[in-house]
Amino acid sequence: MAIAATPGGGSWLAWLGTDGQVHLGRLGCDDKLIGKPTTFTGIDLQDVQADANGGVLLLTRKGTCGTGPLCGGESSPCNTMHMVRFNNAGKLVWERQVTNLTGGRDGYDDGARFVWWYQHHGRLASDGGNYAAYFGVAITVKNGSCVDIHQGDRMQVVTAGGKTRSGGFEVGCSHAWTPRIVWDPRVKKFVTVCATDNNCRIAQPAPYRTVAKGTCDGTLFGGDVVLAKSSGYWTAWSQGGKVRLSHFKGGSAATKSITTAASSKHPHLVAYGKGRMLLTWQSGSSMRAQVHDAGTGATVGQPFTIAVKDHDYQAFKPYADGSAAYPAAGPASSSIKIARVVP
């Protein structure tokens, strides 16, 4: 599931069905469904973002591997990633593949970039006109008479009219996981952060720049990235089940890192209120949360419980009124529960 704030105060809510469709519905300011949802073909859902004219979905569709042959092992399926633009009625405007299985290129062809089973998760960000998708990809490389499949990440920028444009990168981190992205209007740049086994770190890709040093022991995971109060960024990440917050500026290593009281593999971080940010993580069958100052990183108030189920790869989203919302699995298999934290 994914949620996005609309300029009018409501939300777009997207969820993956069991019917090979991604469903999209509009929520009012009370977080309740308005009207009838629409559907789009998709076997996986990554994210949704919104603007005054509708919004964009990032979703996965079935692709073709072809013959290869592989040099060894298995690596499937060979799926494709797409941006899907919808209007304020939830209807299709355009769709654009942001992987490259087009023009007769299959997943096992040299140079292919496709979506497979491993670390393929993605996020969207917008500069107010263009949208950027940042996601994990499989990388096909010819090796003699066969091909090898590697793992990396890809960032693709698409215009308001659905055309691909410059500003992204074909591969940033490799091997990479937990890709995260934010638009910074202060410097007019998309800022991306990955976790990578290239020197085992949290890094900015294309080119590599270390944010925080980690350890390749299977417990290194990145969280979200948000704007810091005056300049730079905060990113949440986890090593050994302990959650850290690291502040960095573009192109430089973290100037400050905080080991929080949170214990989790997959922390969530979101802009919240005025000059603050909300850190959340799984705690049993619920979530725990702590407010932090977006300038100093210091805690504000006491931790508290949010009575919804966590999901490793879902996200809280910020709203213009300073609140943050999260779509969670409801008490029944056919229900969704919206958690909203207000300032």
C-alpha atoms as a PDB file:
ATOM      1  CA  MET A   1       0.000   0.000   0.000  1.00  0.00           C
ATOM      2  CA  ALA A   2       1.030   3.629  -0.519  1.00  0.00           C
ATOM      3  CA  ILE A   3      -0.518   6.996   0.298  1.00  0.00           C
ATOM      4  CA  ALA A   4       0.072  10.527  -0.978  1.00  0.00           C
ATOM      5  CA  ALA A   5      -1.139  13.951   0.135  1.00  0.00           C
ATOM      6  CA  THR A   6      -3.191  16.024  -2.320  1.00  0.00           C
ATOM      7  CA  PRO A   7      -2.962  19.835  -2.361  1.00  0.00           C
ATOM      8  CA  GLY A   8      -6.617  20.018  -1.320  1.00  0.00           C
ATOM      9  CA  GLY A   9      -5.992  18.230   1.961  1.00  0.00           C
ATOM     10  CA  GLY A  10      -7.139  14.726   1.100  1.00  0.00           C
ATOM     11  CA  SER A  11      -5.127  11.749  -0.157  1.00  0.00           C
ATOM     12  CA  TRP A  12      -4.693   9.234  -2.905  1.00  0.00           C
ATOM     13  CA  LEU A  13      -4.484   5.681  -1.564  1.00  0.00           C
ATOM     14  CA  ALA A  14      -3.062   2.873  -3.712  1.00  0.00           C
ATOM     15  CA  TRP A  15      -3.026  -0.827  -2.893  1.00  0.00           C
ATOM     16  CA  LEU A  16      -2.074  -4.074  -4.578  1.00  0.00           C
ATOM     17  CA  GLY A  17      -4.980  -6.434  -5.053  1.00  0.00           C
ATOM     18  CA  THR A  18      -5.010 -10.216  -5.411  1.00  0.00           C
ATOM     19  CA  ASP A  19      -6.435  -9.776  -8.932  1.00  0.00           C
ATOM     20  CA  GLY A  20      -3.313  -8.627 -10.810  1.00  0.00           C
ATOM     21  CA  GLN A  21      -4.404  -5.010 -10.412  1.00  0.00           C
ATOM     22  CA  VAL A  22      -3.229  -1.941  -8.523  1.00  0.00           C
ATOM     23  CA  HIS A  23      -6.233  -0.163  -7.050  1.00  0.00           C
ATOM     24  CA  LEU A  24      -6.402   3.607  -6.589  1.00  0.00           C
ATOM     25  CA  GLY A  25      -8.903   5.458  -4.429  1.00  0.00           C
ATOM     26  CA  ARG A  26      -9.379   9.004  -3.196  1.00  0.00           C
ATOM     27  CA  LEU A  27      -9.631   9.766   0.522  1.00  0.00           C
ATOM     28  CA  GLY A  28     -11.246  12.802   2.118  1.00  0.00           C
ATOM     29  CA  CYS A  29      -9.717  14.812   4.944  1.00  0.00           C
ATOM     30  CA  ASP A  30     -11.246  12.258   7.333  1.00  0.00           C
ATOM     31  CA  ASP A  31      -9.148   9.529   5.639  1.00  0.00           C
ATOM     32  CA  LYS A  32     -12.292   7.769   4.392  1.00  0.00           C
ATOM     33  CA  LEU A  33     -12.822   6.547   0.839  1.00  0.00           C
ATOM     34  CA  ILE A  34     -14.663   8.837  -1.589  1.00  0.00           C
ATOM     35  CA  GLY A  35     -16.346   7.337  -4.644  1.00  0.00           C
ATOM     36  CA  LYS A  36     -15.322   4.211  -6.510  1.00  0.00           C
ATOM     37  CA  PRO A  37     -11.655   3.189  -6.873  1.00  0.00           C
ATOM     38  CA  THR A  38     -10.072   2.700 -10.293  1.00  0.00           C
ATOM     39  CA  THR A  39      -7.604  -0.008 -11.298  1.00  0.00           C
ATOM     40  CA  PHE A  40      -4.390  -0.338 -13.307  1.00  0.00           C
ATOM     41  CA  THR A  41      -2.609  -3.485 -14.447  1.00  0.00           C
ATOM     42  CA  GLY A  42       0.218  -4.298 -12.056  1.00  0.00           C
ATOM     43  CA  ILE A  43       1.725  -7.241 -10.187  1.00  0.00           C
ATOM     44  CA  ASP A  44       3.452  -5.088  -7.566  1.00  0.00           C
ATOM     45  CA  LEU A  45       3.064  -1.581  -6.163  1.00  0.00           C
ATOM     46  CA  GLN A  46       5.977   0.667  -5.229  1.00  0.00           C
ATOM     47  CA  ASP A  47       4.700   4.189  -4.507  1.00  0.00           C
ATOM     48  CA  VAL A  48       2.215   6.965  -5.274  1.00  0.00           C
ATOM     49  CA  GLN A  49       2.698  10.751  -5.362  1.00  0.00           C
ATOM     50  CA  ALA A  50       0.121  13.480  -5.978  1.00  0.00           C
ATOM     51  CA  ASP A  51      -0.207  17.017  -7.344  1.00  0.00           C
ATOM     52  CA  ALA A  52      -2.985  19.450  -8.249  1.00  0.00           C
ATOM     53  CA  ASN A  53      -3.801  17.591 -11.490  1.00  0.00           C
ATOM     54  CA  GLY A  54      -3.808  14.022 -10.154  1.00  0.00           C
ATOM     55  CA  GLY A  55      -0.683  12.011  -9.492  1.00  0.00           C
ATOM     56  CA  VAL A  56       1.690   9.222 -10.486  1.00  0.00           C
ATOM     57  CA  LEU A  57       1.897   5.551  -9.544  1.00  0.00           C
ATOM     58  CA  LEU A  58       5.106   3.530  -9.599  1.00  0.00           C
ATOM     59  CA  LEU A  59       4.224  -0.101 -10.278  1.00  0.00           C
ATOM     60  CA  THR A  60       5.591  -3.353 -11.693  1.00  0.00           C
ATOM     61  CA  ARG A  61       4.302  -5.366 -14.650  1.00  0.00           C
ATOM     62  CA  LYS A  62       5.203  -8.720 -16.167  1.00  0.00           C
ATOM     63  CA  GLY A  63       8.131  -8.840 -18.592  1.00  0.00           C
ATOM     64  CA  THR A  64      10.043 -11.433 -20.595  1.00  0.00           C
ATOM     65  CA  CYS A  65      13.424 -12.979 -19.726  1.00  0.00           C
ATOM     66  CA  GLY A  66      14.255 -14.435 -23.135  1.00  0.00           C
ATOM     67  CA  THR A  67      16.880 -17.128 -23.556  1.00  0.00           C
ATOM     68  CA  GLY A  68      20.182 -15.655 -22.357  1.00  0.00           C
ATOM     69  CA  PRO A  69      21.663 -18.086 -21.678  1.00  0.00           C
ATOM     70  CA  LEU A  70      22.625 -17.476 -18.058  1.00  0.00           C
ATOM     71  CA  CYS A  71      26.202 -18.294 -17.098  1.00  0.00           C
ATOM     72  CA  GLY A  72      24.857 -20.086 -14.043  1.00  0.00           C
ATOM     73  CA  GLY A  73      22.197 -20.073 -11.362  1.00  0.00           C
ATOM     74  CA  GLU A  74      18.723 -18.614 -11.640  1.00  0.00           C
ATOM     75  CA  SER A  75      17.447 -15.044 -11.738  1.00  0.00           C
ATOM     76  CA  SER A  76      13.807 -14.501 -12.471  1.00  0.00           C
ATOM     77  CA  PRO A  77      11.272 -13.131 -13.152  1.00  0.00           C
ATOM     78  CA  CYS A  78      12.159 -10.392 -15.659  1.00  0.00           C
ATOM     79  CA  ASN A  79       9.548  -7.736 -14.968  1.00  0.00           C
ATOM     80  CA  THR A  80       9.263  -4.053 -15.872  1.00  0.00           C
ATOM     81  CA  MET A  81       8.814  -0.866 -13.815  1.00  0.00           C
ATOM     82  CA  HIS A  82       6.369   1.816 -14.933  1.00  0.00           C
ATOM     83  CA  MET A  83       5.236   5.300 -14.019  1.00  0.00           C
ATOM     84  CA  VAL A  84       1.492   5.671 -14.534  1.00  0.00           C
ATOM     85  CA  ARG A  85       0.043   9.186 -14.655  1.00  0.00           C
ATOM     86  CA  PHE A  86      -3.593   9.630 -13.558  1.00  0.00           C
ATOM     87  CA  ASN A  87      -5.899  12.659 -13.430  1.00  0.00           C
ATOM     88  CA  ASN A  88      -8.128  13.898 -10.608  1.00  0.00           C
ATOM     89  CA  ALA A  89     -10.774  11.366 -11.608  1.00  0.00           C
ATOM     90  CA  GLY A  90      -8.222   8.568 -11.123  1.00  0.00           C
ATOM     91  CA  LYS A  91      -8.146   7.852 -14.873  1.00  0.00           C
ATOM     92  CA  LEU A  92      -5.093   7.054 -16.998  1.00  0.00           C
ATOM     93  CA  VAL A  93      -3.322  10.000 -18.677  1.00  0.00           C
ATOM     94  CA  TRP A  94      -0.056   8.323 -19.750  1.00  0.00           C
ATOM     95  CA  GLU A  95       2.274   5.503 -18.781  1.00  0.00           C
ATOM     96  CA  ARG A  96       6.029   5.242 -19.192  1.00  0.00           C
ATOM     97  CA  GLN A  97       8.330   2.275 -18.632  1.00  0.00           C
ATOM     98  CA  VAL A  98      11.379   3.299 -16.565  1.00  0.00           C
ATOM     99  CA  THR A  99      13.240   0.002 -17.039  1.00  0.00           C
ATOM    100  CA  ASN A 100      14.458  -0.758 -20.583  1.00  0.00           C
ATOM    101  CA  LEU A 101      12.824  -3.963 -21.818  1.00  0.00           C
ATOM    102  CA  THR A 102      11.677  -2.374 -25.067  1.00  0.00           C
ATOM    103  CA  GLY A 103      12.536  -2.611 -28.753  1.00  0.00           C
ATOM    104  CA  GLY A 104      13.020  -6.366 -28.660  1.00  0.00           C
ATOM    105  CA  ARG A 105      15.287  -6.340 -25.609  1.00  0.00           C
ATOM    106  CA  ASP A 106      14.467  -9.088 -23.082  1.00  0.00           C
ATOM    107  CA  GLY A 107      15.722  -9.446 -19.539  1.00  0.00           C
ATOM    108  CA  TYR A 108      18.547 -11.839 -20.448  1.00  0.00           C
ATOM    109  CA  ASP A 109      19.898  -9.619 -23.241  1.00  0.00           C
ATOM    110  CA  ASP A 110      23.153  -7.747 -22.633  1.00  0.00           C
ATOM    111  CA  GLY A 111      22.482  -4.265 -21.235  1.00  0.00           C
ATOM    112  CA  ALA A 112      18.996  -5.034 -19.961  1.00  0.00           C
ATOM    113  CA  ARG A 113      17.680  -3.343 -16.821  1.00  0.00           C
ATOM    114  CA  PHE A 114      14.712  -5.159 -15.345  1.00  0.00           C
ATOM    115  CA  VAL A 115      12.849  -5.883 -12.112  1.00  0.00           C
ATOM    116  CA  TRP A 116      13.448  -9.274 -10.525  1.00  0.00           C
ATOM    117  CA  TRP A 117      12.678 -10.919  -7.186  1.00  0.00           C
ATOM    118  CA  TYR A 118      15.625  -9.369  -5.363  1.00  0.00           C
ATOM    119  CA  GLN A 119      15.699  -5.859  -3.809  1.00  0.00           C
ATOM    120  CA  HIS A 120      13.513  -4.228  -6.434  1.00  0.00           C
ATOM    121  CA  HIS A 121      11.665  -1.771  -4.197  1.00  0.00           C
ATOM    122  CA  GLY A 122      11.252   1.837  -5.351  1.00  0.00           C
ATOM    123  CA  ARG A 123      10.118   5.347  -4.446  1.00  0.00           C
ATOM    124  CA  LEU A 124       8.909   8.486  -6.240  1.00  0.00           C
ATOM    125  CA  ALA A 125       9.714  12.177  -5.791  1.00  0.00           C
ATOM    126  CA  SER A 126       8.608  15.292  -7.674  1.00  0.00           C
ATOM    127  CA  ASP A 127      10.043  18.760  -8.287  1.00  0.00           C
ATOM    128  CA  GLY A 128       6.561  20.109  -8.955  1.00  0.00           C
ATOM    129  CA  GLY A 129       6.631  19.236 -12.652  1.00  0.00           C
ATOM    130  CA  ASN A 130       8.897  16.277 -13.316  1.00  0.00           C
ATOM    131  CA  TYR A 131       8.712  12.982 -11.452  1.00  0.00           C
ATOM    132  CA  ALA A 132      11.712  10.837 -10.527  1.00  0.00           C
ATOM    133  CA  ALA A 133      11.595   7.092  -9.844  1.00  0.00           C
ATOM    134  CA  TYR A 134      14.438   5.534  -7.855  1.00  0.00           C
ATOM    135  CA  PHE A 135      14.365   1.743  -7.577  1.00  0.00           C
ATOM    136  CA  GLY A 136      16.386  -1.462  -7.484  1.00  0.00           C
ATOM    137  CA  VAL A 137      17.135  -3.192 -10.795  1.00  0.00           C
ATOM    138  CA  ALA A 138      18.713  -6.322 -12.184  1.00  0.00           C
ATOM    139  CA  ILE A 139      21.696  -5.579 -14.459  1.00  0.00           C
ATOM    140  CA  THR A 140      22.415  -7.975 -17.338  1.00  0.00           C
ATOM    141  CA  VAL A 141      26.072  -8.172 -18.444  1.00  0.00           C
ATOM    142  CA  LYS A 142      27.457 -10.326 -21.272  1.00  0.00           C
ATOM    143  CA  ASN A 143      30.158 -12.749 -20.108  1.00  0.00           C
ATOM    144  CA  GLY A 144      31.508 -14.606 -23.136  1.00  0.00           C
ATOM    145  CA  SER A 145      28.758 -16.750 -24.618  1.00  0.00           C
ATOM    146  CA  CYS A 146      26.403 -16.244 -21.641  1.00  0.00           C
ATOM    147  CA  VAL A 147      25.154 -13.439 -19.383  1.00  0.00           C
ATOM    148  CA  ASP A 148      25.466 -12.673 -15.680  1.00  0.00           C
ATOM    149  CA  ILE A 149      22.814 -10.847 -13.651  1.00  0.00           C
ATOM    150  CA  HIS A 150      23.956  -8.250 -11.118  1.00  0.00           C
ATOM    151  CA  GLN A 151      22.023  -6.060  -8.698  1.00  0.00           C
ATOM    152  CA  GLY A 152      22.019  -2.272  -8.607  1.00  0.00           C
ATOM    153  CA  ASP A 153      19.755   0.742  -8.680  1.00  0.00           C
ATOM    154  CA  ARG A 154      18.349   3.129 -11.289  1.00  0.00           C
ATOM    155  CA  MET A 155      16.939   6.662 -11.175  1.00  0.00           C
ATOM    156  CA  GLN A 156      14.809   7.864 -14.090  1.00  0.00           C
ATOM    157  CA  VAL A 157      13.247  11.323 -14.444  1.00  0.00           C
ATOM    158  CA  VAL A 158      10.032  11.705 -16.476  1.00  0.00           C
ATOM    159  CA  THR A 159       8.456  14.985 -17.574  1.00  0.00           C
ATOM    160  CA  ALA A 160       4.905  16.111 -16.839  1.00  0.00           C
ATOM    161  CA  GLY A 161       4.052  14.979 -20.359  1.00  0.00           C
ATOM    162  CA  GLY A 162       5.384  11.461 -19.858  1.00  0.00           C
ATOM    163  CA  LYS A 163       8.728  11.758 -21.659  1.00  0.00           C
ATOM    164  CA  THR A 164      11.994  10.507 -20.193  1.00  0.00           C
ATOM    165  CA  ARG A 165      14.619  13.194 -19.655  1.00  0.00           C
ATOM    166  CA  SER A 166      18.110  13.686 -18.250  1.00  0.00           C
ATOM    167  CA  GLY A 167      18.813  14.031 -14.539  1.00  0.00           C
ATOM    168  CA  GLY A 168      18.861  10.369 -13.509  1.00  0.00           C
ATOM    169  CA  PHE A 169      21.390   7.550 -13.745  1.00  0.00           C
ATOM    170  CA  GLU A 170      21.463   4.058 -15.215  1.00  0.00           C
ATOM    171  CA  VAL A 171      23.285   2.500 -12.254  1.00  0.00           C
ATOM    172  CA  GLY A 172      24.203   4.334  -9.069  1.00  0.00           C
ATOM    173  CA  CYS A 173      24.993   1.799  -6.336  1.00  0.00           C
ATOM    174  CA  SER A 174      25.889  -1.861  -6.810  1.00  0.00           C
ATOM    175  CA  HIS A 175      25.087  -4.042  -5.097  1.00  0.00           C
ATOM    176  CA  ALA A 176      22.289  -1.916  -3.665  1.00  0.00           C
ATOM    177  CA  TRP A 177      19.104  -2.062  -1.627  1.00  0.00           C
ATOM    178  CA  THR A 178      16.566   0.218   0.117  1.00  0.00           C
ATOM    179  CA  PRO A 179      16.708   3.100  -2.426  1.00  0.00           C
ATOM    180  CA  ARG A 180      15.308   6.382  -1.087  1.00  0.00           C
ATOM    181  CA  ILE A 181      14.781   9.768  -2.751  1.00  0.00           C
ATOM    182  CA  VAL A 182      13.713  13.321  -1.875  1.00  0.00           C
ATOM    183  CA  TRP A 183      13.433  16.558  -3.867  1.00  0.00           C
ATOM    184  CA  ASP A 184      15.308  19.489  -2.328  1.00  0.00           C
ATOM    185  CA  PRO A 185      13.858  22.813  -3.587  1.00  0.00           C
ATOM    186  CA  ARG A 186      16.662  24.731  -1.839  1.00  0.00           C
ATOM    187  CA  VAL A 187      19.309  23.368  -4.217  1.00  0.00           C
ATOM    188  CA  LYS A 188      16.909  22.201  -6.940  1.00  0.00           C
ATOM    189  CA  LYS A 189      18.114  18.594  -6.916  1.00  0.00           C
ATOM    190  CA  PHE A 190      16.781  15.084  -6.423  1.00  0.00           C
ATOM    191  CA  VAL A 191      18.793  13.576  -3.553  1.00  0.00           C
ATOM    192  CA  THR A 192      19.150   9.789  -3.404  1.00  0.00           C
ATOM    193  CA  VAL A 193      20.486   7.431  -0.721  1.00  0.00           C
ATOM    194  CA  CYS A 194      21.174   3.697  -0.911  1.00  0.00           C
ATOM    195  CA  ALA A 195      22.525   0.887   1.225  1.00  0.00           C
ATOM    196  CA  THR A 196      25.353  -0.906  -0.572  1.00  0.00           C
ATOM    197  CA  ASP A 197      27.959  -3.634  -0.070  1.00  0.00           C
ATOM    198  CA  ASN A 198      30.441  -1.399  -1.896  1.00  0.00           C
ATOM    199  CA  ASN A 199      32.536  -0.750   1.212  1.00  0.00           C
ATOM    200  CA  CYS A 200      29.435  -1.683   3.256  1.00  0.00           C
ATOM    201  CA  ARG A 201      27.852   1.715   3.793  1.00  0.00           C
ATOM    202  CA  ILE A 202      24.929   4.064   3.471  1.00  0.00           C
ATOM    203  CA  ALA A 203      25.838   6.116   0.421  1.00  0.00           C
ATOM    204  CA  GLN A 204      24.815   8.704  -2.124  1.00  0.00           C
ATOM    205  CA  PRO A 205      25.085   7.183  -5.602  1.00  0.00           C
ATOM    206  CA  ALA A 206      26.372   8.346  -8.990  1.00  0.00           C
ATOM    207  CA  PRO A 207      29.152   8.813  -8.004  1.00  0.00           C
ATOM    208  CA  TYR A 208      29.588   7.022  -4.654  1.00  0.00           C
ATOM    209  CA  ARG A 209      29.822   9.304  -1.623  1.00  0.00           C
ATOM    210  CA  THR A 210      29.786   7.797   1.859  1.00  0.00           C
ATOM    211  CA  VAL A 211      27.076   8.987   4.228  1.00  0.00           C
ATOM    212  CA  ALA A 212      27.690   6.512   7.062  1.00  0.00           C
ATOM    213  CA  LYS A 213      29.958   3.490   7.419  1.00  0.00           C
ATOM    214  CA  GLY A 214      28.332   0.124   8.112  1.00  0.00           C
ATOM    215  CA  THR A 215      29.175  -3.572   8.184  1.00  0.00           C
ATOM    216  CA  CYS A 216      28.250  -6.246   5.639  1.00  0.00           C
ATOM    217  CA  ASP A 217      26.842  -8.745   8.134  1.00  0.00           C
ATOM    218  CA  GLY A 218      23.336  -8.993   6.663  1.00  0.00           C
ATOM    219  CA  THR A 219      21.876  -6.402   9.054  1.00  0.00           C
ATOM    220  CA  LEU A 220      22.582  -3.153   7.173  1.00  0.00           C
ATOM    221  CA  PHE A 221      19.408  -1.461   5.884  1.00  0.00           C
ATOM    222  CA  GLY A 222      18.567   2.060   4.803  1.00  0.00           C
ATOM    223  CA  GLY A 223      15.483   3.987   5.874  1.00  0.00           C
ATOM    224  CA  ASP A 224      13.965   7.176   4.534  1.00  0.00           C
ATOM    225  CA  VAL A 225      15.654  10.496   3.740  1.00  0.00           C
ATOM    226  CA  VAL A 226      14.138  13.900   4.629  1.00  0.00           C
ATOM    227  CA  LEU A 227      15.204  17.547   4.448  1.00  0.00           C
ATOM    228  CA  ALA A 228      17.017  18.890   7.512  1.00  0.00           C
ATOM    229  CA  LYS A 229      15.798  22.162   9.034  1.00  0.00           C
ATOM    230  CA  SER A 230      18.240  24.609   7.432  1.00  0.00           C
ATOM    231  CA  SER A 231      20.464  22.641   5.060  1.00  0.00           C
ATOM    232  CA  GLY A 232      21.363  19.066   4.315  1.00  0.00           C
ATOM    233  CA  TYR A 233      19.401  15.904   5.035  1.00  0.00           C
ATOM    234  CA  TRP A 234      18.609  13.309   7.674  1.00  0.00           C
ATOM    235  CA  THR A 235      18.477   9.626   6.836  1.00  0.00           C
ATOM    236  CA  ALA A 236      17.380   6.782   9.088  1.00  0.00           C
ATOM    237  CA  TRP A 237      19.228   3.470   8.831  1.00  0.00           C
ATOM    238  CA  SER A 238      19.771   0.314  10.816  1.00  0.00           C
ATOM    239  CA  GLN A 239      22.747  -1.886  11.668  1.00  0.00           C
ATOM    240  CA  GLY A 240      22.473  -4.904  13.945  1.00  0.00           C
ATOM    241  CA  GLY A 241      18.867  -4.005  14.688  1.00  0.00           C
ATOM    242  CA  LYS A 242      19.799  -0.588  16.118  1.00  0.00           C
ATOM    243  CA  VAL A 243      18.366   2.474  14.367  1.00  0.00           C
ATOM    244  CA  ARG A 244      20.599   5.449  13.592  1.00  0.00           C
ATOM    245  CA  LEU A 245      19.882   8.961  12.331  1.00  0.00           C
ATOM    246  CA  SER A 246      22.618  10.561  10.238  1.00  0.00           C
ATOM    247  CA  HIS A 247      22.772  14.166   9.058  1.00  0.00           C
ATOM    248  CA  PHE A 248      24.684  14.863   5.848  1.00  0.00           C
ATOM    249  CA  LYS A 249      25.045  17.510   3.177  1.00  0.00           C
ATOM    250  CA  GLY A 250      25.192  16.887  -0.544  1.00  0.00           C
ATOM    251  CA  GLY A 251      28.414  15.123  -1.473  1.00  0.00           C
ATOM    252  CA  SER A 252      29.792  14.774   2.035  1.00  0.00           C
ATOM    253  CA  ALA A 253      29.817  12.218   4.826  1.00  0.00           C
ATOM    254  CA  ALA A 254      27.512  12.543   7.811  1.00  0.00           C
ATOM    255  CA  THR A 255      28.307  15.506  10.022  1.00  0.00           C
ATOM    256  CA  LYS A 256      26.323  13.979  12.870  1.00  0.00           C
ATOM    257  CA  SER A 257      25.065  10.480  13.676  1.00  0.00           C
ATOM    258  CA  ILE A 258      22.719   9.514  16.498  1.00  0.00           C
ATOM    259  CA  THR A 259      22.081   6.011  17.776  1.00  0.00           C
ATOM    260  CA  THR A 260      18.427   6.076  18.783  1.00  0.00           C
ATOM    261  CA  ALA A 261      16.544   3.967  21.305  1.00  0.00           C
ATOM    262  CA  ALA A 262      14.715   2.184  18.466  1.00  0.00           C
ATOM    263  CA  SER A 263      15.361  -1.478  17.691  1.00  0.00           C
ATOM    264  CA  SER A 264      14.353  -2.421  14.142  1.00  0.00           C
ATOM    265  CA  LYS A 265      15.673  -3.526  10.757  1.00  0.00           C
ATOM    266  CA  HIS A 266      13.529  -1.107   8.759  1.00  0.00           C
ATOM    267  CA  PRO A 267      12.930   2.348  10.293  1.00  0.00           C
ATOM    268  CA  HIS A 268      10.644   4.948   8.704  1.00  0.00           C
ATOM    269  CA  LEU A 269      11.314   8.695   8.741  1.00  0.00           C
ATOM    270  CA  VAL A 270       9.067  11.548   7.595  1.00  0.00           C
ATOM    271  CA  ALA A 271       8.911  15.343   7.813  1.00  0.00           C
ATOM    272  CA  TYR A 272       6.459  16.250  10.555  1.00  0.00           C
ATOM    273  CA  GLY A 273       5.153  19.495  12.034  1.00  0.00           C
ATOM    274  CA  LYS A 274       7.322  22.614  11.912  1.00  0.00           C
ATOM    275  CA  GLY A 275      11.027  21.809  11.845  1.00  0.00           C
ATOM    276  CA  ARG A 276      10.567  18.282  13.115  1.00  0.00           C
ATOM    277  CA  MET A 277      10.602  14.722  11.845  1.00  0.00           C
ATOM    278  CA  LEU A 278       8.869  11.546  12.941  1.00  0.00           C
ATOM    279  CA  LEU A 279      10.812   8.293  13.344  1.00  0.00           C
ATOM    280  CA  THR A 280       8.713   5.108  13.459  1.00  0.00           C
ATOM    281  CA  TRP A 281       9.503   1.404  13.678  1.00  0.00           C
ATOM    282  CA  GLN A 282       7.930  -1.999  14.304  1.00  0.00           C
ATOM    283  CA  SER A 283       7.237  -2.934  17.904  1.00  0.00           C
ATOM    284  CA  GLY A 284       5.460  -6.267  18.257  1.00  0.00           C
ATOM    285  CA  SER A 285       2.111  -6.085  16.439  1.00  0.00           C
ATOM    286  CA  SER A 286       2.137  -2.251  16.535  1.00  0.00           C
ATOM    287  CA  MET A 287       4.483   0.622  15.736  1.00  0.00           C
ATOM    288  CA  ARG A 288       6.463   2.894  18.041  1.00  0.00           C
ATOM    289  CA  ALA A 289       7.246   6.503  17.225  1.00  0.00           C
ATOM    290  CA  GLN A 290       9.535   9.292  18.377  1.00  0.00           C
ATOM    291  CA  VAL A 291       9.580  12.928  17.298  1.00  0.00           C
ATOM    292  CA  HIS A 292      13.014  14.450  16.558  1.00  0.00           C
ATOM    293  CA  ASP A 293      14.149  17.997  15.901  1.00  0.00           C
ATOM    294  CA  ALA A 294      15.000  18.315  12.195  1.00  0.00           C
ATOM    295  CA  GLY A 295      17.875  20.639  13.002  1.00  0.00           C
ATOM    296  CA  THR A 296      19.720  18.997  15.880  1.00  0.00           C
ATOM    297  CA  GLY A 297      18.253  15.489  15.738  1.00  0.00           C
ATOM    298  CA  ALA A 298      17.359  15.724  19.437  1.00  0.00           C
ATOM    299  CA  THR A 299      14.277  13.892  20.684  1.00  0.00           C
ATOM    300  CA  VAL A 300      11.118  15.939  21.299  1.00  0.00           C
ATOM    301  CA  GLY A 301       8.753  14.512  23.920  1.00  0.00           C
ATOM    302  CA  GLN A 302       8.388  10.842  24.742  1.00  0.00           C
ATOM    303  CA  PRO A 303       8.030   7.801  22.458  1.00  0.00           C
ATOM    304  CA  PHE A 304       4.481   6.635  21.794  1.00  0.00           C
ATOM    305  CA  THR A 305       2.628   3.702  20.248  1.00  0.00           C
ATOM    306  CA  ILE A 306       0.734   3.731  16.945  1.00  0.00           C
ATOM    307  CA  ALA A 307      -1.768   0.895  16.959  1.00  0.00           C
ATOM    308  CA  VAL A 308      -1.293  -0.369  13.383  1.00  0.00           C
ATOM    309  CA  LYS A 309       0.779  -3.098  11.755  1.00  0.00           C
ATOM    310  CA  ASP A 310       4.190  -2.185  10.355  1.00  0.00           C
ATOM    311  CA  HIS A 311       5.495  -3.091   6.900  1.00  0.00           C
ATOM    312  CA  ASP A 312       9.204  -3.127   6.035  1.00  0.00           C
ATOM    313  CA  TYR A 313       8.953  -1.231   2.747  1.00  0.00           C
ATOM    314  CA  GLN A 314       5.974   1.087   3.193  1.00  0.00           C
ATOM    315  CA  ALA A 315       6.258   4.769   4.078  1.00  0.00           C
ATOM    316  CA  PHE A 316       4.719   7.545   6.112  1.00  0.00           C
ATOM    317  CA  LYS A 317       3.948  10.594   3.941  1.00  0.00           C
ATOM    318  CA  PRO A 318       3.951  14.284   4.995  1.00  0.00           C
ATOM    319  CA  TYR A 319       0.949  16.648   4.700  1.00  0.00           C
ATOM    320  CA  ALA A 320       0.736  20.425   4.413  1.00  0.00           C
ATOM    321  CA  ASP A 321      -0.939  20.730   7.838  1.00  0.00           C
ATOM    322  CA  GLY A 322       2.157  19.168   9.450  1.00  0.00           C
ATOM    323  CA  SER A 323       0.612  15.734   9.974  1.00  0.00           C
ATOM    324  CA  ALA A 324       1.898  12.427   8.613  1.00  0.00           C
ATOM    325  CA  ALA A 325      -0.124   9.428   7.427  1.00  0.00           C
ATOM    326  CA  TYR A 326       0.572   5.738   6.921  1.00  0.00           C
ATOM    327  CA  PRO A 327      -1.557   3.007   5.242  1.00  0.00           C
ATOM    328  CA  ALA A 328      -1.604  -0.214   7.237  1.00  0.00           C
ATOM    329  CA  ALA A 329      -3.260  -3.615   6.952  1.00  0.00           C
ATOM    330  CA  GLY A 330      -6.619  -3.518   8.696  1.00  0.00           C
ATOM    331  CA  PRO A 331      -8.155  -6.100  11.009  1.00  0.00           C
ATOM    332  CA  ALA A 332      -9.648  -7.985   8.043  1.00  0.00           C
ATOM    333  CA  SER A 333      -7.844  -9.130   4.881  1.00  0.00           C
ATOM    334  CA  SER A 334     -10.013  -6.774   2.787  1.00  0.00           C
ATOM    335  CA  SER A 335      -9.505  -3.649   4.920  1.00  0.00           C
ATOM    336  CA  ILE A 336      -6.930  -0.856   5.165  1.00  0.00           C
ATOM    337  CA  LYS A 337      -6.406   1.279   8.264  1.00  0.00           C
ATOM    338  CA  ILE A 338      -4.934   4.800   7.977  1.00  0.00           C
ATOM    339  CA  ALA A 339      -2.734   5.952  10.844  1.00  0.00           C
ATOM    340  CA  ARG A 340      -2.411   9.728  11.103  1.00  0.00           C
ATOM    341  CA  VAL A 341      -0.088  11.511  13.509  1.00  0.00           C
ATOM    342  CA  VAL A 342      -0.959  15.195  14.001  1.00  0.00           C
ATOM    343  CA  PRO A 343       1.359  17.929  15.380  1.00  0.00           C
END
